[in-house]
Amino acid sequence: MYNLSKYVEKDPAIIRAFMEQYPFATLIGNDADGHPVATQVPLLIRHQGDSIILLGHIMRKTDHHLAFEQNPRVLALFTSPHTYVSPSWYTNPRSGGTWNYMTVQAHGEMEFTSDEGLIEILRQTQNHFEGDPASPAAFENLSADYVSPMANAIVGFGIKVSKMQATFKLSQNRDETSYHNIIAQLKKGSPDAQFIAEEMEKRASQLFKND
């Protein structure tokens, strides 16, 4: 992982808030023969004592299900919007272009749940992302005839996070004039570029507080 010290985010509260804001993560692993597998799923982030547990579900008997049965080691990758940064915005424009982004990598081992555990994960996932207890789509309003065949086709899992790394690469290596010009230029760009500009603005006063 590209984790030069100037780009590393160390605050656990900020890292967890980022994961909760961007819960549609990529799960990456290898099967017993070393073949890579990946799948994208929404994850619930939970605390268990001092540990973070990631909860989710995947389709049964797919390549990733079989691979994680053989090799439970997993990397969960959380990412935000990202954008290109042109060197023409620097005080010294004779440089290579770069990319600004924010990402968290969470390492752990996947453990599949019981059938009862799966139902609880489905309940929590549906209700969390639906976000409205009164919604007709709340899990409690789903019929057993609907839930049962769906549950038979998927498996629930938990991942106890053993290591976490966060890289928020936001032009922290640039001088103050370049930094603010990057922000101004990104504000003119796509929604992704504007998102990165906003994140950079949040950090500007802290980054240049001694200047």
C-alpha atoms as a PDB file:
ATOM      1  CA  MET A   1       0.000   0.000   0.000  1.00  0.00           C
ATOM      2  CA  TYR A   2       1.219   3.510  -0.851  1.00  0.00           C
ATOM      3  CA  ASN A   3       1.498   4.848   2.684  1.00  0.00           C
ATOM      4  CA  LEU A   4       4.145   7.575   2.887  1.00  0.00           C
ATOM      5  CA  SER A   5       3.898   9.096   6.343  1.00  0.00           C
ATOM      6  CA  LYS A   6       2.523  12.441   5.144  1.00  0.00           C
ATOM      7  CA  TYR A   7      -0.507  10.679   3.668  1.00  0.00           C
ATOM      8  CA  VAL A   8      -1.279   8.253   6.519  1.00  0.00           C
ATOM      9  CA  GLU A   9      -4.431   8.875   8.573  1.00  0.00           C
ATOM     10  CA  LYS A  10      -4.015   7.535  12.109  1.00  0.00           C
ATOM     11  CA  ASP A  11      -7.119   8.744  13.952  1.00  0.00           C
ATOM     12  CA  PRO A  12      -9.329   5.641  14.539  1.00  0.00           C
ATOM     13  CA  ALA A  13     -12.491   7.757  14.731  1.00  0.00           C
ATOM     14  CA  ILE A  14     -11.800   9.374  11.351  1.00  0.00           C
ATOM     15  CA  ILE A  15     -10.973   6.004   9.793  1.00  0.00           C
ATOM     16  CA  ARG A  16     -14.141   4.364  11.091  1.00  0.00           C
ATOM     17  CA  ALA A  17     -16.288   7.320   9.970  1.00  0.00           C
ATOM     18  CA  PHE A  18     -14.771   6.962   6.486  1.00  0.00           C
ATOM     19  CA  MET A  19     -15.587   3.250   6.373  1.00  0.00           C
ATOM     20  CA  GLU A  20     -19.164   3.949   7.467  1.00  0.00           C
ATOM     21  CA  GLN A  21     -19.529   6.662   4.838  1.00  0.00           C
ATOM     22  CA  TYR A  22     -18.267   4.335   2.078  1.00  0.00           C
ATOM     23  CA  PRO A  23     -19.432   0.858   3.168  1.00  0.00           C
ATOM     24  CA  PHE A  24     -19.585  -0.678  -0.324  1.00  0.00           C
ATOM     25  CA  ALA A  25     -16.205  -2.385  -0.038  1.00  0.00           C
ATOM     26  CA  THR A  26     -14.187  -4.709  -2.243  1.00  0.00           C
ATOM     27  CA  LEU A  27     -13.303  -8.019  -0.570  1.00  0.00           C
ATOM     28  CA  ILE A  28     -10.062  -9.465  -1.918  1.00  0.00           C
ATOM     29  CA  GLY A  29      -8.599 -12.890  -1.235  1.00  0.00           C
ATOM     30  CA  ASN A  30      -6.956 -15.972  -2.731  1.00  0.00           C
ATOM     31  CA  ASP A  31      -8.106 -19.550  -3.031  1.00  0.00           C
ATOM     32  CA  ALA A  32      -6.042 -22.544  -1.933  1.00  0.00           C
ATOM     33  CA  ASP A  33      -4.135 -22.482  -5.245  1.00  0.00           C
ATOM     34  CA  GLY A  34      -3.286 -18.784  -4.955  1.00  0.00           C
ATOM     35  CA  HIS A  35      -5.803 -17.593  -7.538  1.00  0.00           C
ATOM     36  CA  PRO A  36      -7.116 -14.121  -6.650  1.00  0.00           C
ATOM     37  CA  VAL A  37     -10.817 -13.467  -6.073  1.00  0.00           C
ATOM     38  CA  ALA A  38     -12.678 -10.217  -5.444  1.00  0.00           C
ATOM     39  CA  THR A  39     -16.251  -9.190  -4.825  1.00  0.00           C
ATOM     40  CA  GLN A  40     -17.962  -5.928  -3.864  1.00  0.00           C
ATOM     41  CA  VAL A  41     -20.449  -5.963  -0.997  1.00  0.00           C
ATOM     42  CA  PRO A  42     -21.973  -3.548   1.521  1.00  0.00           C
ATOM     43  CA  LEU A  43     -20.489  -4.054   4.978  1.00  0.00           C
ATOM     44  CA  LEU A  44     -21.672  -3.194   8.460  1.00  0.00           C
ATOM     45  CA  ILE A  45     -18.956  -1.890  10.781  1.00  0.00           C
ATOM     46  CA  ARG A  46     -19.343  -2.996  14.383  1.00  0.00           C
ATOM     47  CA  HIS A  47     -17.295  -2.721  17.575  1.00  0.00           C
ATOM     48  CA  GLN A  48     -16.580  -5.768  19.725  1.00  0.00           C
ATOM     49  CA  GLY A  49     -14.527  -4.605  22.672  1.00  0.00           C
ATOM     50  CA  ASP A  50     -11.422  -3.008  21.178  1.00  0.00           C
ATOM     51  CA  SER A  51     -11.873  -4.845  17.873  1.00  0.00           C
ATOM     52  CA  ILE A  52     -13.702  -3.879  14.678  1.00  0.00           C
ATOM     53  CA  ILE A  53     -15.930  -6.519  13.095  1.00  0.00           C
ATOM     54  CA  LEU A  54     -17.136  -6.295   9.495  1.00  0.00           C
ATOM     55  CA  LEU A  55     -20.438  -8.049   8.776  1.00  0.00           C
ATOM     56  CA  GLY A  56     -21.855  -8.938   5.383  1.00  0.00           C
ATOM     57  CA  HIS A  57     -23.122 -11.651   3.078  1.00  0.00           C
ATOM     58  CA  ILE A  58     -22.178 -13.123  -0.309  1.00  0.00           C
ATOM     59  CA  MET A  59     -23.698 -15.551  -2.774  1.00  0.00           C
ATOM     60  CA  ARG A  60     -23.303 -19.209  -1.858  1.00  0.00           C
ATOM     61  CA  LYS A  61     -20.948 -21.480  -3.854  1.00  0.00           C
ATOM     62  CA  THR A  62     -19.509 -18.692  -5.995  1.00  0.00           C
ATOM     63  CA  ASP A  63     -15.772 -18.457  -6.631  1.00  0.00           C
ATOM     64  CA  HIS A  64     -15.304 -16.041  -3.745  1.00  0.00           C
ATOM     65  CA  HIS A  65     -17.370 -18.134  -1.308  1.00  0.00           C
ATOM     66  CA  LEU A  66     -15.375 -21.257  -2.136  1.00  0.00           C
ATOM     67  CA  ALA A  67     -12.082 -19.358  -2.000  1.00  0.00           C
ATOM     68  CA  PHE A  68     -12.779 -17.878   1.437  1.00  0.00           C
ATOM     69  CA  GLU A  69     -13.775 -21.324   2.688  1.00  0.00           C
ATOM     70  CA  GLN A  70     -10.333 -22.568   1.601  1.00  0.00           C
ATOM     71  CA  ASN A  71      -8.395 -19.492   2.695  1.00  0.00           C
ATOM     72  CA  PRO A  72     -10.165 -17.165   5.147  1.00  0.00           C
ATOM     73  CA  ARG A  73      -7.573 -14.369   4.938  1.00  0.00           C
ATOM     74  CA  VAL A  74      -9.240 -11.316   3.418  1.00  0.00           C
ATOM     75  CA  LEU A  75      -8.551  -7.695   2.589  1.00  0.00           C
ATOM     76  CA  ALA A  76     -11.502  -5.282   2.642  1.00  0.00           C
ATOM     77  CA  LEU A  77     -10.860  -2.166   0.560  1.00  0.00           C
ATOM     78  CA  PHE A  78     -12.923   0.983   1.223  1.00  0.00           C
ATOM     79  CA  THR A  79     -12.614   3.891  -1.233  1.00  0.00           C
ATOM     80  CA  SER A  80     -14.071   7.353  -1.772  1.00  0.00           C
ATOM     81  CA  PRO A  81     -14.393   9.496  -4.901  1.00  0.00           C
ATOM     82  CA  HIS A  82     -10.971  10.364  -6.381  1.00  0.00           C
ATOM     83  CA  THR A  83      -9.543  12.652  -9.042  1.00  0.00           C
ATOM     84  CA  TYR A  84      -6.614  13.530 -11.280  1.00  0.00           C
ATOM     85  CA  VAL A  85      -4.428  16.464 -10.224  1.00  0.00           C
ATOM     86  CA  SER A  86      -2.636  18.363 -13.014  1.00  0.00           C
ATOM     87  CA  PRO A  87       0.925  19.591 -12.397  1.00  0.00           C
ATOM     88  CA  SER A  88      -0.039  22.737 -14.324  1.00  0.00           C
ATOM     89  CA  TRP A  89      -1.672  23.844 -11.044  1.00  0.00           C
ATOM     90  CA  TYR A  90       1.629  23.767  -9.119  1.00  0.00           C
ATOM     91  CA  THR A  91       3.989  26.690  -8.614  1.00  0.00           C
ATOM     92  CA  ASN A  92       6.455  24.478 -10.506  1.00  0.00           C
ATOM     93  CA  PRO A  93       4.387  22.907 -13.298  1.00  0.00           C
ATOM     94  CA  ARG A  94       7.253  20.877 -14.775  1.00  0.00           C
ATOM     95  CA  SER A  95       6.201  17.750 -12.895  1.00  0.00           C
ATOM     96  CA  GLY A  96       4.286  14.554 -13.446  1.00  0.00           C
ATOM     97  CA  GLY A  97       0.547  14.396 -12.896  1.00  0.00           C
ATOM     98  CA  THR A  98      -0.857  12.549  -9.909  1.00  0.00           C
ATOM     99  CA  TRP A  99      -4.067  11.263  -8.357  1.00  0.00           C
ATOM    100  CA  ASN A 100      -5.698  12.322  -5.105  1.00  0.00           C
ATOM    101  CA  TYR A 101      -7.766   9.747  -3.248  1.00  0.00           C
ATOM    102  CA  MET A 102      -8.778   8.342   0.128  1.00  0.00           C
ATOM    103  CA  THR A 103      -8.737   4.636   0.937  1.00  0.00           C
ATOM    104  CA  VAL A 104      -8.785   2.264   3.898  1.00  0.00           C
ATOM    105  CA  GLN A 105      -7.475  -1.291   3.822  1.00  0.00           C
ATOM    106  CA  ALA A 106      -8.765  -3.622   6.549  1.00  0.00           C
ATOM    107  CA  HIS A 107      -7.111  -7.042   6.936  1.00  0.00           C
ATOM    108  CA  GLY A 108      -8.622  -9.976   8.790  1.00  0.00           C
ATOM    109  CA  GLU A 109     -10.009 -13.490   8.574  1.00  0.00           C
ATOM    110  CA  MET A 110     -13.497 -14.329   7.358  1.00  0.00           C
ATOM    111  CA  GLU A 111     -15.672 -16.568   9.507  1.00  0.00           C
ATOM    112  CA  PHE A 112     -18.999 -17.772   8.126  1.00  0.00           C
ATOM    113  CA  THR A 113     -22.019 -17.533  10.390  1.00  0.00           C
ATOM    114  CA  SER A 114     -24.798 -19.914  11.299  1.00  0.00           C
ATOM    115  CA  ASP A 115     -28.164 -19.679   9.539  1.00  0.00           C
ATOM    116  CA  GLU A 116     -29.459 -17.658  12.488  1.00  0.00           C
ATOM    117  CA  GLY A 117     -26.459 -15.356  12.247  1.00  0.00           C
ATOM    118  CA  LEU A 118     -27.151 -14.814   8.560  1.00  0.00           C
ATOM    119  CA  ILE A 119     -30.734 -13.769   9.250  1.00  0.00           C
ATOM    120  CA  GLU A 120     -29.511 -11.263  11.827  1.00  0.00           C
ATOM    121  CA  ILE A 121     -27.000  -9.834   9.353  1.00  0.00           C
ATOM    122  CA  LEU A 122     -29.758  -9.520   6.734  1.00  0.00           C
ATOM    123  CA  ARG A 123     -31.996  -7.776   9.253  1.00  0.00           C
ATOM    124  CA  GLN A 124     -29.323  -5.308  10.315  1.00  0.00           C
ATOM    125  CA  THR A 125     -28.163  -4.652   6.740  1.00  0.00           C
ATOM    126  CA  GLN A 126     -31.647  -4.057   5.344  1.00  0.00           C
ATOM    127  CA  ASN A 127     -32.712  -1.797   8.177  1.00  0.00           C
ATOM    128  CA  HIS A 128     -29.426   0.129   8.329  1.00  0.00           C
ATOM    129  CA  PHE A 129     -29.382   1.063   4.657  1.00  0.00           C
ATOM    130  CA  GLU A 130     -33.148   1.495   4.380  1.00  0.00           C
ATOM    131  CA  GLY A 131     -32.800   4.022   7.198  1.00  0.00           C
ATOM    132  CA  ASP A 132     -36.497   4.246   8.059  1.00  0.00           C
ATOM    133  CA  PRO A 133     -38.135   1.988  10.687  1.00  0.00           C
ATOM    134  CA  ALA A 134     -41.532   2.814   9.198  1.00  0.00           C
ATOM    135  CA  SER A 135     -40.545   1.770   5.685  1.00  0.00           C
ATOM    136  CA  PRO A 136     -42.609  -1.042   4.152  1.00  0.00           C
ATOM    137  CA  ALA A 137     -39.230  -2.506   3.122  1.00  0.00           C
ATOM    138  CA  ALA A 138     -38.043  -2.834   6.740  1.00  0.00           C
ATOM    139  CA  PHE A 139     -36.839  -6.373   7.332  1.00  0.00           C
ATOM    140  CA  GLU A 140     -39.639  -7.060   9.811  1.00  0.00           C
ATOM    141  CA  ASN A 141     -42.158  -6.470   7.001  1.00  0.00           C
ATOM    142  CA  LEU A 142     -40.649  -9.079   4.660  1.00  0.00           C
ATOM    143  CA  SER A 143     -42.494 -12.370   4.417  1.00  0.00           C
ATOM    144  CA  ALA A 144     -40.917 -15.696   5.316  1.00  0.00           C
ATOM    145  CA  ASP A 145     -41.750 -16.886   1.793  1.00  0.00           C
ATOM    146  CA  TYR A 146     -39.456 -14.169   0.476  1.00  0.00           C
ATOM    147  CA  VAL A 147     -36.668 -14.347   3.065  1.00  0.00           C
ATOM    148  CA  SER A 148     -36.262 -18.126   3.208  1.00  0.00           C
ATOM    149  CA  PRO A 149     -35.255 -18.833  -0.428  1.00  0.00           C
ATOM    150  CA  MET A 150     -33.065 -15.734  -0.451  1.00  0.00           C
ATOM    151  CA  ALA A 151     -31.269 -16.887   2.701  1.00  0.00           C
ATOM    152  CA  ASN A 152     -30.700 -20.319   1.172  1.00  0.00           C
ATOM    153  CA  ALA A 153     -28.774 -18.721  -1.692  1.00  0.00           C
ATOM    154  CA  ILE A 154     -26.330 -16.689   0.415  1.00  0.00           C
ATOM    155  CA  VAL A 155     -23.962 -17.030   3.365  1.00  0.00           C
ATOM    156  CA  GLY A 156     -23.296 -14.551   6.152  1.00  0.00           C
ATOM    157  CA  PHE A 157     -19.849 -13.726   7.459  1.00  0.00           C
ATOM    158  CA  GLY A 158     -17.923 -11.710   9.987  1.00  0.00           C
ATOM    159  CA  ILE A 159     -14.383 -10.383   9.616  1.00  0.00           C
ATOM    160  CA  LYS A 160     -12.408  -9.511  12.743  1.00  0.00           C
ATOM    161  CA  VAL A 161     -10.033  -6.783  11.623  1.00  0.00           C
ATOM    162  CA  SER A 162      -6.435  -7.539  12.596  1.00  0.00           C
ATOM    163  CA  LYS A 163      -4.733  -4.653  10.794  1.00  0.00           C
ATOM    164  CA  MET A 164      -5.965  -1.423   9.277  1.00  0.00           C
ATOM    165  CA  GLN A 165      -4.195   1.118   7.073  1.00  0.00           C
ATOM    166  CA  ALA A 166      -5.605   4.415   5.837  1.00  0.00           C
ATOM    167  CA  THR A 167      -4.079   6.524   3.075  1.00  0.00           C
ATOM    168  CA  PHE A 168      -5.654   9.928   2.441  1.00  0.00           C
ATOM    169  CA  LYS A 169      -3.484  11.326  -0.374  1.00  0.00           C
ATOM    170  CA  LEU A 170      -4.582  14.945  -0.666  1.00  0.00           C
ATOM    171  CA  SER A 171      -1.562  16.917  -1.948  1.00  0.00           C
ATOM    172  CA  GLN A 172      -0.079  17.268   1.535  1.00  0.00           C
ATOM    173  CA  ASN A 173       3.371  17.332  -0.104  1.00  0.00           C
ATOM    174  CA  ARG A 174       2.682  20.582  -1.956  1.00  0.00           C
ATOM    175  CA  ASP A 175       3.525  24.147  -0.941  1.00  0.00           C
ATOM    176  CA  GLU A 176       0.672  26.306   0.335  1.00  0.00           C
ATOM    177  CA  THR A 177       0.212  28.268  -2.896  1.00  0.00           C
ATOM    178  CA  SER A 178       0.016  25.093  -4.979  1.00  0.00           C
ATOM    179  CA  TYR A 179      -2.281  23.460  -2.437  1.00  0.00           C
ATOM    180  CA  HIS A 180      -4.855  26.235  -2.590  1.00  0.00           C
ATOM    181  CA  ASN A 181      -4.623  26.478  -6.374  1.00  0.00           C
ATOM    182  CA  ILE A 182      -5.314  22.735  -6.631  1.00  0.00           C
ATOM    183  CA  ILE A 183      -8.425  23.256  -4.517  1.00  0.00           C
ATOM    184  CA  ALA A 184      -9.579  26.142  -6.734  1.00  0.00           C
ATOM    185  CA  GLN A 185      -9.084  24.115  -9.906  1.00  0.00           C
ATOM    186  CA  LEU A 186     -10.775  20.997  -8.536  1.00  0.00           C
ATOM    187  CA  LYS A 187     -13.823  23.059  -7.543  1.00  0.00           C
ATOM    188  CA  LYS A 188     -14.357  23.715 -11.268  1.00  0.00           C
ATOM    189  CA  GLY A 189     -14.302  20.010 -12.092  1.00  0.00           C
ATOM    190  CA  SER A 190     -16.471  16.929 -11.760  1.00  0.00           C
ATOM    191  CA  PRO A 191     -18.403  16.019  -8.595  1.00  0.00           C
ATOM    192  CA  ASP A 192     -15.526  13.692  -7.687  1.00  0.00           C
ATOM    193  CA  ALA A 193     -13.019  16.528  -8.089  1.00  0.00           C
ATOM    194  CA  GLN A 194     -15.215  18.826  -5.997  1.00  0.00           C
ATOM    195  CA  PHE A 195     -15.391  16.174  -3.280  1.00  0.00           C
ATOM    196  CA  ILE A 196     -11.579  16.016  -3.084  1.00  0.00           C
ATOM    197  CA  ALA A 197     -11.392  19.830  -3.039  1.00  0.00           C
ATOM    198  CA  GLU A 198     -13.734  19.879  -0.046  1.00  0.00           C
ATOM    199  CA  GLU A 199     -11.654  17.278   1.778  1.00  0.00           C
ATOM    200  CA  MET A 200      -8.502  19.293   1.114  1.00  0.00           C
ATOM    201  CA  GLU A 201     -10.153  22.468   2.400  1.00  0.00           C
ATOM    202  CA  LYS A 202     -11.000  20.740   5.677  1.00  0.00           C
ATOM    203  CA  ARG A 203      -7.303  20.039   6.279  1.00  0.00           C
ATOM    204  CA  ALA A 204      -5.739  23.273   5.012  1.00  0.00           C
ATOM    205  CA  SER A 205      -5.628  25.197   8.304  1.00  0.00           C
ATOM    206  CA  GLN A 206      -4.032  22.268  10.122  1.00  0.00           C
ATOM    207  CA  LEU A 207      -1.574  21.523   7.328  1.00  0.00           C
ATOM    208  CA  PHE A 208      -0.253  25.073   7.106  1.00  0.00           C
ATOM    209  CA  LYS A 209      -0.853  26.224  10.699  1.00  0.00           C
ATOM    210  CA  ASN A 210       2.833  27.063  11.271  1.00  0.00           C
ATOM    211  CA  ASP A 211       3.320  28.995   8.031  1.00  0.00           C
END
